[in-house]
Amino acid sequence: MKTAIKSFTPAVLAMLLIMPVSQASATDAMAGSRLMVKTSVAEVIGVREIESGEFEQGIRKSKAGLAKTSIEFLRKPLLDNLCVAHLAIKDMDQASQYCQAAINTGKTSAISYNNRAVMHYVLGNIEASLEDLDAASNFGSLENMVGRNLRIVNQQNILSNN
């Protein structure tokens, strides 16, 4: 399934509208198709730019911050933000790298698993997306966002199995 990503950038969340390419020019009001990713809770360099849609500037600042620290708990929010920014600009190779790195820090969170689940969904790997959303739901935070994403991916899984 080919997908198109339309980026929205409200404060704190970057929303990705996922729909089949054949419907990409149709209305953006397909509320049932929106998967959400989240930037870090921590106020780190580059996060405000990413949240305001200035992705390239946010990526540049976040990478600079990442280069300055080797402490995992300081790196994790930067990695989460780089994951979101690369998803938003449709650079799936880099998104995959940063989403995975955020989880590999050992400081996993609902944010990291949720964001990687969206990446898997965009890449067409629904099973991996469902596994990550299940892991995200076990943290007991971001229940509304994770639950909504889980419903959307489950619905797509049912549709693709018919």
Protein backbone atom coordinates (compact mmCIF):
# COMPACT_ATOMS: atom_id res chain seq x y z
CA MET A 1 0.00 0.00 0.00
CA LYS A 2 1.48 3.33 -1.04
CA THR A 3 0.88 6.18 1.37
CA ALA A 4 1.11 9.92 1.29
CA ILE A 5 2.00 11.90 4.37
CA LYS A 6 0.52 15.30 4.99
CA SER A 7 2.14 17.18 7.86
CA PHE A 8 0.38 19.34 10.39
CA THR A 9 2.21 21.11 13.17
CA PRO A 10 0.17 22.15 16.18
CA ALA A 11 2.10 23.01 19.34
CA VAL A 12 3.49 19.83 21.03
CA LEU A 13 2.28 17.29 18.44
CA ALA A 14 3.17 16.76 14.85
CA MET A 15 0.24 14.99 13.27
CA LEU A 16 0.67 12.87 10.22
CA LEU A 17 -2.29 12.23 7.97
CA ILE A 18 -1.80 8.84 6.38
CA MET A 19 -3.91 7.90 3.38
CA PRO A 20 -3.54 5.91 0.19
CA VAL A 21 -1.79 7.92 -2.53
CA SER A 22 -4.87 7.60 -4.73
CA GLN A 23 -6.79 9.63 -2.15
CA ALA A 24 -4.03 12.10 -1.34
CA SER A 25 -5.69 14.93 -3.23
CA ALA A 26 -9.06 14.23 -1.62
CA THR A 27 -10.26 16.02 1.48
CA ASP A 28 -8.01 16.29 4.50
CA ALA A 29 -10.94 15.74 6.82
CA MET A 30 -10.43 12.00 7.06
CA ALA A 31 -10.30 12.04 10.84
CA GLY A 32 -10.21 8.25 11.02
CA SER A 33 -6.89 8.15 9.18
CA ARG A 34 -4.78 10.44 11.35
CA LEU A 35 -1.91 8.92 13.22
CA MET A 36 -0.13 11.13 15.70
CA VAL A 37 3.49 11.29 16.72
CA LYS A 38 4.85 13.24 19.65
CA THR A 39 7.95 15.29 20.24
CA SER A 40 9.82 14.98 23.51
CA VAL A 41 8.39 16.24 26.77
CA ALA A 42 11.81 17.67 27.60
CA GLU A 43 12.64 21.18 26.43
CA VAL A 44 15.70 20.40 24.32
CA ILE A 45 17.42 22.22 21.50
CA GLY A 46 15.49 21.99 18.22
CA VAL A 47 12.15 20.86 19.66
CA ARG A 48 10.39 24.21 19.20
CA GLU A 49 11.49 24.42 15.58
CA ILE A 50 10.23 20.90 14.88
CA GLU A 51 6.91 21.63 16.60
CA SER A 52 6.47 24.81 14.56
CA GLY A 53 7.16 23.03 11.27
CA GLU A 54 10.68 24.33 10.73
CA PHE A 55 11.91 20.78 10.31
CA GLU A 56 15.27 21.36 8.64
CA GLN A 57 16.30 23.92 11.27
CA GLY A 58 15.05 21.64 14.06
CA ILE A 59 16.94 18.70 12.61
CA ARG A 60 20.14 20.73 12.36
CA LYS A 61 19.87 21.96 15.96
CA SER A 62 18.90 18.53 17.30
CA LYS A 63 21.83 16.86 15.55
CA ALA A 64 24.17 19.49 16.99
CA GLY A 65 22.80 18.78 20.47
CA LEU A 66 23.16 15.06 19.91
CA ALA A 67 26.80 15.47 18.91
CA LYS A 68 27.52 17.25 22.20
CA THR A 69 26.36 14.53 24.58
CA SER A 70 26.88 10.84 25.13
CA ILE A 71 24.58 10.62 28.17
CA GLU A 72 21.63 8.43 27.15
CA PHE A 73 18.90 10.25 29.09
CA LEU A 74 19.99 13.51 27.43
CA ARG A 75 20.18 11.92 23.98
CA LYS A 76 16.76 10.25 24.08
CA PRO A 77 14.56 13.37 23.69
CA LEU A 78 16.75 14.54 20.81
CA LEU A 79 16.39 11.14 19.14
CA ASP A 80 12.60 11.19 19.62
CA ASN A 81 12.45 14.65 18.03
CA LEU A 82 14.67 13.62 15.11
CA CYS A 83 12.39 10.62 14.55
CA VAL A 84 9.33 12.93 14.35
CA ALA A 85 11.04 15.49 12.12
CA HIS A 86 12.23 12.88 9.63
CA LEU A 87 8.77 11.29 9.52
CA ALA A 88 7.34 14.73 8.78
CA ILE A 89 9.72 15.35 5.87
CA LYS A 90 9.19 11.79 4.60
CA ASP A 91 12.82 10.72 5.03
CA MET A 92 11.99 7.20 6.10
CA ASP A 93 15.58 5.92 6.23
CA GLN A 94 16.59 8.58 8.73
CA ALA A 95 13.27 8.28 10.59
CA SER A 96 13.90 4.56 11.01
CA GLN A 97 17.41 5.19 12.30
CA TYR A 98 16.33 7.78 14.88
CA CYS A 99 13.14 5.99 15.96
CA GLN A 100 15.16 2.83 16.59
CA ALA A 101 17.96 4.72 18.34
CA ALA A 102 15.45 6.33 20.73
CA ILE A 103 14.28 2.87 21.77
CA ASN A 104 17.83 1.51 21.96
CA THR A 105 18.81 4.10 24.60
CA GLY A 106 17.32 1.84 27.25
CA LYS A 107 15.22 4.79 28.42
CA THR A 108 12.18 3.75 26.41
CA SER A 109 8.85 5.52 26.70
CA ALA A 110 5.39 5.55 25.21
CA ILE A 111 6.60 8.38 22.97
CA SER A 112 9.40 6.30 21.45
CA TYR A 113 7.26 3.23 20.82
CA ASN A 114 4.35 5.28 19.49
CA ASN A 115 6.56 7.18 17.05
CA ARG A 116 8.23 4.02 15.80
CA ALA A 117 4.77 2.43 15.39
CA VAL A 118 3.75 5.29 13.09
CA MET A 119 6.95 4.81 11.12
CA HIS A 120 6.21 1.08 10.72
CA TYR A 121 2.67 1.89 9.61
CA VAL A 122 3.88 4.34 6.97
CA LEU A 123 6.30 1.69 5.71
CA GLY A 124 3.42 -0.80 5.48
CA ASN A 125 4.52 -3.03 8.36
CA ILE A 126 1.23 -3.20 10.25
CA GLU A 127 2.26 -6.09 12.50
CA ALA A 128 5.34 -4.22 13.77
CA SER A 129 3.20 -1.12 14.21
CA LEU A 130 0.70 -3.04 16.34
CA GLU A 131 3.51 -4.53 18.46
CA ASP A 132 4.98 -1.09 19.14
CA LEU A 133 1.57 0.41 19.96
CA ASP A 134 0.98 -2.46 22.38
CA ALA A 135 4.34 -1.70 24.02
CA ALA A 136 3.48 2.02 24.13
CA SER A 137 0.16 1.29 25.84
CA ASN A 138 1.96 -0.57 28.64
CA PHE A 139 3.59 2.66 29.86
CA GLY A 140 0.26 4.11 31.01
CA SER A 141 0.95 7.53 29.55
CA LEU A 142 -0.37 9.20 26.41
CA GLU A 143 -3.35 6.82 26.57
CA ASN A 144 -5.57 8.92 24.28
CA MET A 145 -3.01 9.28 21.51
CA VAL A 146 -1.73 5.70 21.70
CA GLY A 147 -5.27 4.30 21.94
CA ARG A 148 -6.42 6.30 18.93
CA ASN A 149 -3.41 5.21 16.88
CA LEU A 150 -4.03 1.60 17.93
CA ARG A 151 -7.66 1.76 16.76
CA ILE A 152 -6.61 3.18 13.39
CA VAL A 153 -3.90 0.57 12.81
CA ASN A 154 -6.20 -2.25 13.98
CA GLN A 155 -8.86 -1.05 11.55
CA GLN A 156 -6.33 -0.99 8.71
CA ASN A 157 -5.16 -4.47 9.70
CA ILE A 158 -8.73 -5.78 9.50
CA LEU A 159 -9.26 -4.10 6.12
CA SER A 160 -6.03 -5.46 4.69
CA ASN A 161 -6.89 -9.00 5.80
CA ASN A 162 -10.24 -8.95 3.97
